[in-house]
Amino acid sequence: GKVFEAGDAAGVVESVKAATDIYAPVGGEV
């Protein structure tokens, strides 16, 4: 239900090395 514009941070992936944002490549509703 969350709505994003293209390029908005849309989550996080954490690894043993780093945490990084995941971005919405296009805008829309999840």
Full PDB file with SEQRES, HELIX, SHEET, SSBOND, CRYST1, ORIGX, SCALE, CONECT and MASTER records, all heavy atoms in Angstrom:
SEQRES   1 A   30  GLY LYS VAL PHE GLU ALA GLY ASP ALA ALA GLY VAL VAL          
SEQRES   2 A   30  GLU SER VAL LYS ALA ALA THR ASP ILE TYR ALA PRO VAL          
SEQRES   3 A   30  GLY GLY GLU VAL                                              
SHEET    1 AA1 2 VAL A   3  PHE A   4  0                                        
SHEET    2 AA1 2 GLY A  28  GLU A  29 -1                                        
SHEET    1 AA2 2 ALA A   9  GLU A  14  0                                        
SHEET    2 AA2 2 ALA A  19  TYR A  23 -1                                        
CRYST1    1.000    1.000    1.000  90.00  90.00  90.00 P 1           1          
ORIGX1      1.000000  0.000000  0.000000        0.00000                         
ORIGX2      0.000000  1.000000  0.000000        0.00000                         
ORIGX3      0.000000  0.000000  1.000000        0.00000                         
SCALE1      1.000000  0.000000  0.000000        0.00000                         
SCALE2      0.000000  1.000000  0.000000        0.00000                         
SCALE3      0.000000  0.000000  1.000000        0.00000                         
ATOM      1  N   GLY A   1       0.802  -1.216   0.000  1.00  0.00           N  
ATOM      2  CA  GLY A   1       0.000   0.000   0.000  1.00  0.00           C  
ATOM      3  C   GLY A   1       0.834   1.265   0.000  1.00  0.00           C  
ATOM      4  O   GLY A   1       0.327   2.348  -0.310  1.00  0.00           O  
ATOM      5  N   LYS A   2       2.104   1.158   0.350  1.00  0.00           N  
ATOM      6  CA  LYS A   2       3.008   2.324   0.348  1.00  0.00           C  
ATOM      7  C   LYS A   2       3.192   2.790  -1.091  1.00  0.00           C  
ATOM      8  O   LYS A   2       3.291   1.988  -2.008  1.00  0.00           O  
ATOM      9  CB  LYS A   2       4.344   1.921   0.963  1.00  0.00           C  
ATOM     10  CG  LYS A   2       5.347   3.010   1.037  1.00  0.00           C  
ATOM     11  CD  LYS A   2       5.332   3.667   2.389  1.00  0.00           C  
ATOM     12  CE  LYS A   2       6.526   4.616   2.465  1.00  0.00           C  
ATOM     13  NZ  LYS A   2       6.253   5.801   3.169  1.00  0.00           N  
ATOM     14  N   VAL A   3       3.231   4.108  -1.273  1.00  0.00           N  
ATOM     15  CA  VAL A   3       3.394   4.688  -2.607  1.00  0.00           C  
ATOM     16  C   VAL A   3       4.755   5.374  -2.688  1.00  0.00           C  
ATOM     17  O   VAL A   3       5.126   6.131  -1.783  1.00  0.00           O  
ATOM     18  CB  VAL A   3       2.268   5.694  -2.926  1.00  0.00           C  
ATOM     19  CG1 VAL A   3       2.483   6.354  -4.276  1.00  0.00           C  
ATOM     20  CG2 VAL A   3       0.911   4.986  -2.882  1.00  0.00           C  
ATOM     21  N   PHE A   4       5.473   5.082  -3.752  1.00  0.00           N  
ATOM     22  CA  PHE A   4       6.799   5.653  -3.965  1.00  0.00           C  
ATOM     23  C   PHE A   4       6.868   6.391  -5.288  1.00  0.00           C  
ATOM     24  O   PHE A   4       6.161   6.046  -6.232  1.00  0.00           O  
ATOM     25  CB  PHE A   4       7.873   4.546  -4.017  1.00  0.00           C  
ATOM     26  CG  PHE A   4       8.055   3.825  -2.724  1.00  0.00           C  
ATOM     27  CD1 PHE A   4       7.586   2.541  -2.558  1.00  0.00           C  
ATOM     28  CD2 PHE A   4       8.711   4.434  -1.661  1.00  0.00           C  
ATOM     29  CE1 PHE A   4       7.750   1.869  -1.366  1.00  0.00           C  
ATOM     30  CE2 PHE A   4       8.879   3.772  -0.459  1.00  0.00           C  
ATOM     31  CZ  PHE A   4       8.400   2.486  -0.310  1.00  0.00           C  
ATOM     32  N   GLU A   5       7.726   7.388  -5.326  1.00  0.00           N  
ATOM     33  CA  GLU A   5       8.131   8.007  -6.589  1.00  0.00           C  
ATOM     34  C   GLU A   5       9.386   7.275  -7.038  1.00  0.00           C  
ATOM     35  O   GLU A   5      10.111   6.700  -6.217  1.00  0.00           O  
ATOM     36  CB  GLU A   5       8.450   9.494  -6.385  1.00  0.00           C  
ATOM     37  CG  GLU A   5       7.256  10.348  -5.992  1.00  0.00           C  
ATOM     38  CD  GLU A   5       6.201  10.424  -7.080  1.00  0.00           C  
ATOM     39  OE1 GLU A   5       6.570  10.498  -8.273  1.00  0.00           O  
ATOM     40  OE2 GLU A   5       5.001  10.405  -6.742  1.00  0.00           O  
ATOM     41  N   ALA A   6       9.683   7.308  -8.328  1.00  0.00           N  
ATOM     42  CA  ALA A   6      10.915   6.696  -8.823  1.00  0.00           C  
ATOM     43  C   ALA A   6      12.099   7.312  -8.092  1.00  0.00           C  
ATOM     44  O   ALA A   6      12.183   8.529  -7.942  1.00  0.00           O  
ATOM     45  CB  ALA A   6      11.046   6.919 -10.328  1.00  0.00           C  
ATOM     46  N   GLY A   7      12.977   6.454  -7.582  1.00  0.00           N  
ATOM     47  CA  GLY A   7      14.160   6.922  -6.866  1.00  0.00           C  
ATOM     48  C   GLY A   7      14.004   7.021  -5.363  1.00  0.00           C  
ATOM     49  O   GLY A   7      14.986   7.244  -4.657  1.00  0.00           O  
ATOM     50  N   ASP A   8      12.787   6.845  -4.843  1.00  0.00           N  
ATOM     51  CA  ASP A   8      12.592   6.879  -3.389  1.00  0.00           C  
ATOM     52  C   ASP A   8      13.181   5.633  -2.738  1.00  0.00           C  
ATOM     53  O   ASP A   8      13.110   4.528  -3.304  1.00  0.00           O  
ATOM     54  CB  ASP A   8      11.098   6.911  -3.034  1.00  0.00           C  
ATOM     55  CG  ASP A   8      10.442   8.252  -3.262  1.00  0.00           C  
ATOM     56  OD1 ASP A   8      11.147   9.236  -3.574  1.00  0.00           O  
ATOM     57  OD2 ASP A   8       9.195   8.314  -3.126  1.00  0.00           O  
ATOM     58  N   ALA A   9      13.730   5.789  -1.535  1.00  0.00           N  
ATOM     59  CA  ALA A   9      14.185   4.642  -0.756  1.00  0.00           C  
ATOM     60  C   ALA A   9      12.969   3.774  -0.438  1.00  0.00           C  
ATOM     61  O   ALA A   9      11.935   4.278   0.010  1.00  0.00           O  
ATOM     62  CB  ALA A   9      14.880   5.094   0.520  1.00  0.00           C  
ATOM     63  N   ALA A  10      13.089   2.471  -0.706  1.00  0.00           N  
ATOM     64  CA  ALA A  10      11.948   1.570  -0.562  1.00  0.00           C  
ATOM     65  C   ALA A  10      12.334   0.294   0.191  1.00  0.00           C  
ATOM     66  O   ALA A  10      11.853  -0.783  -0.114  1.00  0.00           O  
ATOM     67  CB  ALA A  10      11.391   1.230  -1.942  1.00  0.00           C  
ATOM     68  N   GLY A  11      13.210   0.424   1.153  1.00  0.00           N  
ATOM     69  CA  GLY A  11      13.627  -0.728   1.933  1.00  0.00           C  
ATOM     70  C   GLY A  11      15.124  -0.706   2.144  1.00  0.00           C  
ATOM     71  O   GLY A  11      15.833   0.162   1.633  1.00  0.00           O  
ATOM     72  N   VAL A  12      15.596  -1.684   2.909  1.00  0.00           N  
ATOM     73  CA  VAL A  12      17.017  -1.785   3.235  1.00  0.00           C  
ATOM     74  C   VAL A  12      17.438  -3.243   3.113  1.00  0.00           C  
ATOM     75  O   VAL A  12      16.703  -4.145   3.499  1.00  0.00           O  
ATOM     76  CB  VAL A  12      17.296  -1.286   4.671  1.00  0.00           C  
ATOM     77  CG1 VAL A  12      18.759  -1.497   5.063  1.00  0.00           C  
ATOM     78  CG2 VAL A  12      16.917   0.178   4.823  1.00  0.00           C  
ATOM     79  N   VAL A  13      18.640  -3.424   2.573  1.00  0.00           N  
ATOM     80  CA  VAL A  13      19.275  -4.741   2.558  1.00  0.00           C  
ATOM     81  C   VAL A  13      20.538  -4.627   3.388  1.00  0.00           C  
ATOM     82  O   VAL A  13      21.347  -3.725   3.170  1.00  0.00           O  
ATOM     83  CB  VAL A  13      19.608  -5.195   1.116  1.00  0.00           C  
ATOM     84  CG1 VAL A  13      20.431  -6.474   1.130  1.00  0.00           C  
ATOM     85  CG2 VAL A  13      18.343  -5.405   0.304  1.00  0.00           C  
ATOM     86  N   GLU A  14      20.683  -5.525   4.368  1.00  0.00           N  
ATOM     87  CA  GLU A  14      21.887  -5.543   5.200  1.00  0.00           C  
ATOM     88  C   GLU A  14      22.664  -6.814   4.905  1.00  0.00           C  
ATOM     89  O   GLU A  14      22.092  -7.894   4.767  1.00  0.00           O  
ATOM     90  CB  GLU A  14      21.524  -5.521   6.687  1.00  0.00           C  
ATOM     91  CG  GLU A  14      20.905  -4.221   7.127  1.00  0.00           C  
ATOM     92  CD  GLU A  14      20.622  -4.187   8.624  1.00  0.00           C  
ATOM     93  OE1 GLU A  14      21.224  -4.976   9.388  1.00  0.00           O  
ATOM     94  OE2 GLU A  14      19.774  -3.369   9.025  1.00  0.00           O  
ATOM     95  N   SER A  15      23.981  -6.643   4.822  1.00  0.00           N  
ATOM     96  CA  SER A  15      24.861  -7.788   4.610  1.00  0.00           C  
ATOM     97  C   SER A  15      25.933  -7.789   5.675  1.00  0.00           C  
ATOM     98  O   SER A  15      25.967  -6.905   6.536  1.00  0.00           O  
ATOM     99  CB  SER A  15      25.506  -7.693   3.223  1.00  0.00           C  
ATOM    100  OG  SER A  15      26.493  -6.674   3.206  1.00  0.00           O  
ATOM    101  N   VAL A  16      26.819  -8.754   5.590  1.00  0.00           N  
ATOM    102  CA  VAL A  16      27.928  -8.794   6.541  1.00  0.00           C  
ATOM    103  C   VAL A  16      28.869  -7.615   6.326  1.00  0.00           C  
ATOM    104  O   VAL A  16      29.626  -7.261   7.223  1.00  0.00           O  
ATOM    105  CB  VAL A  16      28.706 -10.130   6.444  1.00  0.00           C  
ATOM    106  CG1 VAL A  16      27.824 -11.289   6.868  1.00  0.00           C  
ATOM    107  CG2 VAL A  16      29.250 -10.362   5.041  1.00  0.00           C  
ATOM    108  N   LYS A  17      28.811  -6.977   5.162  1.00  0.00           N  
ATOM    109  CA  LYS A  17      29.689  -5.852   4.847  1.00  0.00           C  
ATOM    110  C   LYS A  17      29.055  -4.487   5.082  1.00  0.00           C  
ATOM    111  O   LYS A  17      29.742  -3.550   5.471  1.00  0.00           O  
ATOM    112  CB  LYS A  17      30.116  -5.905   3.370  1.00  0.00           C  
ATOM    113  CG  LYS A  17      31.001  -7.054   2.998  1.00  0.00           C  
ATOM    114  CD  LYS A  17      31.354  -6.945   1.520  1.00  0.00           C  
ATOM    115  CE  LYS A  17      32.205  -8.085   1.034  1.00  0.00           C  
ATOM    116  NZ  LYS A  17      32.503  -7.954  -0.391  1.00  0.00           N  
ATOM    117  N   ALA A  18      27.768  -4.351   4.771  1.00  0.00           N  
ATOM    118  CA  ALA A  18      27.151  -3.022   4.778  1.00  0.00           C  
ATOM    119  C   ALA A  18      25.636  -3.123   4.798  1.00  0.00           C  
ATOM    120  O   ALA A  18      25.068  -4.177   4.550  1.00  0.00           O  
ATOM    121  CB  ALA A  18      27.582  -2.252   3.528  1.00  0.00           C  
ATOM    122  N   ALA A  19      25.011  -1.998   5.050  1.00  0.00           N  
ATOM    123  CA  ALA A  19      23.559  -1.857   4.891  1.00  0.00           C  
ATOM    124  C   ALA A  19      23.347  -0.814   3.807  1.00  0.00           C  
ATOM    125  O   ALA A  19      24.059   0.197   3.768  1.00  0.00           O  
ATOM    126  CB  ALA A  19      22.903  -1.414   6.183  1.00  0.00           C  
ATOM    127  N   THR A  20      22.415  -1.060   2.925  1.00  0.00           N  
ATOM    128  CA  THR A  20      22.166  -0.121   1.841  1.00  0.00           C  
ATOM    129  C   THR A  20      20.681  -0.021   1.560  1.00  0.00           C  
ATOM    130  O   THR A  20      19.937  -0.989   1.733  1.00  0.00           O  
ATOM    131  CB  THR A  20      22.939  -0.532   0.559  1.00  0.00           C  
ATOM    132  OG1 THR A  20      22.813   0.488  -0.418  1.00  0.00           O  
ATOM    133  CG2 THR A  20      22.421  -1.836  -0.013  1.00  0.00           C  
ATOM    134  N   ASP A  21      20.264   1.167   1.160  1.00  0.00           N  
ATOM    135  CA  ASP A  21      18.878   1.364   0.771  1.00  0.00           C  
ATOM    136  C   ASP A  21      18.620   0.683  -0.561  1.00  0.00           C  
ATOM    137  O   ASP A  21      19.502   0.587  -1.415  1.00  0.00           O  
ATOM    138  CB  ASP A  21      18.564   2.854   0.617  1.00  0.00           C  
ATOM    139  CG  ASP A  21      18.477   3.580   1.947  1.00  0.00           C  
ATOM    140  OD1 ASP A  21      18.088   2.966   2.954  1.00  0.00           O  
ATOM    141  OD2 ASP A  21      18.790   4.778   1.971  1.00  0.00           O  
ATOM    142  N   ILE A  22      17.394   0.257  -0.720  1.00  0.00           N  
ATOM    143  CA  ILE A  22      16.894  -0.230  -2.003  1.00  0.00           C  
ATOM    144  C   ILE A  22      15.954   0.854  -2.491  1.00  0.00           C  
ATOM    145  O   ILE A  22      15.149   1.382  -1.725  1.00  0.00           O  
ATOM    146  CB  ILE A  22      16.127  -1.560  -1.827  1.00  0.00           C  
ATOM    147  CG1 ILE A  22      17.059  -2.638  -1.277  1.00  0.00           C  
ATOM    148  CG2 ILE A  22      15.479  -1.997  -3.128  1.00  0.00           C  
ATOM    149  CD1 ILE A  22      18.264  -2.927  -2.128  1.00  0.00           C  
ATOM    150  N   TYR A  23      16.051   1.200  -3.764  1.00  0.00           N  
ATOM    151  CA  TYR A  23      15.255   2.287  -4.323  1.00  0.00           C  
ATOM    152  C   TYR A  23      14.204   1.768  -5.291  1.00  0.00           C  
ATOM    153  O   TYR A  23      14.431   0.763  -5.975  1.00  0.00           O  
ATOM    154  CB  TYR A  23      16.173   3.288  -5.036  1.00  0.00           C  
ATOM    155  CG  TYR A  23      17.166   3.911  -4.096  1.00  0.00           C  
ATOM    156  CD1 TYR A  23      18.446   3.387  -3.941  1.00  0.00           C  
ATOM    157  CD2 TYR A  23      16.807   5.003  -3.309  1.00  0.00           C  
ATOM    158  CE1 TYR A  23      19.344   3.941  -3.042  1.00  0.00           C  
ATOM    159  CE2 TYR A  23      17.705   5.566  -2.412  1.00  0.00           C  
ATOM    160  CZ  TYR A  23      18.971   5.024  -2.288  1.00  0.00           C  
ATOM    161  OH  TYR A  23      19.850   5.574  -1.385  1.00  0.00           O  
ATOM    162  N   ALA A  24      13.085   2.473  -5.328  1.00  0.00           N  
ATOM    163  CA  ALA A  24      12.043   2.151  -6.292  1.00  0.00           C  
ATOM    164  C   ALA A  24      12.523   2.610  -7.674  1.00  0.00           C  
ATOM    165  O   ALA A  24      12.758   3.800  -7.863  1.00  0.00           O  
ATOM    166  CB  ALA A  24      10.742   2.850  -5.926  1.00  0.00           C  
ATOM    167  N   PRO A  25      12.700   1.684  -8.613  1.00  0.00           N  
ATOM    168  CA  PRO A  25      13.172   2.088  -9.936  1.00  0.00           C  
ATOM    169  C   PRO A  25      12.113   2.850 -10.738  1.00  0.00           C  
ATOM    170  O   PRO A  25      12.445   3.615 -11.633  1.00  0.00           O  
ATOM    171  CB  PRO A  25      13.543   0.768 -10.608  1.00  0.00           C  
ATOM    172  CG  PRO A  25      12.781  -0.271  -9.875  1.00  0.00           C  
ATOM    173  CD  PRO A  25      12.569   0.245  -8.488  1.00  0.00           C  
ATOM    174  N   VAL A  26      10.859   2.632 -10.387  1.00  0.00           N  
ATOM    175  CA  VAL A  26       9.742   3.372 -10.983  1.00  0.00           C  
ATOM    176  C   VAL A  26       8.785   3.745  -9.854  1.00  0.00           C  
ATOM    177  O   VAL A  26       8.792   3.117  -8.796  1.00  0.00           O  
ATOM    178  CB  VAL A  26       8.990   2.551 -12.069  1.00  0.00           C  
ATOM    179  CG1 VAL A  26       9.900   2.214 -13.238  1.00  0.00           C  
ATOM    180  CG2 VAL A  26       8.373   1.292 -11.490  1.00  0.00           C  
ATOM    181  N   GLY A  27       7.972   4.745 -10.087  1.00  0.00           N  
ATOM    182  CA  GLY A  27       6.991   5.138  -9.089  1.00  0.00           C  
ATOM    183  C   GLY A  27       5.782   4.226  -9.122  1.00  0.00           C  
ATOM    184  O   GLY A  27       5.468   3.627 -10.145  1.00  0.00           O  
ATOM    185  N   GLY A  28       5.107   4.125  -7.981  1.00  0.00           N  
ATOM    186  CA  GLY A  28       3.890   3.337  -7.932  1.00  0.00           C  
ATOM    187  C   GLY A  28       3.560   2.886  -6.529  1.00  0.00           C  
ATOM    188  O   GLY A  28       4.236   3.239  -5.556  1.00  0.00           O  
ATOM    189  N   GLU A  29       2.514   2.089  -6.436  1.00  0.00           N  
ATOM    190  CA  GLU A  29       2.035   1.558  -5.160  1.00  0.00           C  
ATOM    191  C   GLU A  29       2.517   0.124  -4.984  1.00  0.00           C  
ATOM    192  O   GLU A  29       2.394  -0.694  -5.893  1.00  0.00           O  
ATOM    193  CB  GLU A  29       0.503   1.579  -5.129  1.00  0.00           C  
ATOM    194  CG  GLU A  29      -0.078   1.018  -3.849  1.00  0.00           C  
ATOM    195  CD  GLU A  29      -1.600   0.975  -3.855  1.00  0.00           C  
ATOM    196  OE1 GLU A  29      -2.219   1.573  -4.750  1.00  0.00           O  
ATOM    197  OE2 GLU A  29      -2.157   0.333  -2.947  1.00  0.00           O  
ATOM    198  N   VAL A  30       3.042  -0.168  -3.800  1.00  0.00           N  
ATOM    199  CA  VAL A  30       3.486  -1.527  -3.499  1.00  0.00           C  
ATOM    200  C   VAL A  30       2.260  -2.429  -3.381  1.00  0.00           C  
ATOM    201  O   VAL A  30       1.350  -2.149  -2.591  1.00  0.00           O  
ATOM    202  CB  VAL A  30       4.318  -1.567  -2.198  1.00  0.00           C  
ATOM    203  CG1 VAL A  30       4.688  -3.001  -1.830  1.00  0.00           C  
ATOM    204  CG2 VAL A  30       5.556  -0.700  -2.333  1.00  0.00           C  
TER     205      VAL A  30                                                      
MASTER        0    0    0    0    4    0    0    6  204    1    0    3          
END                                                                             
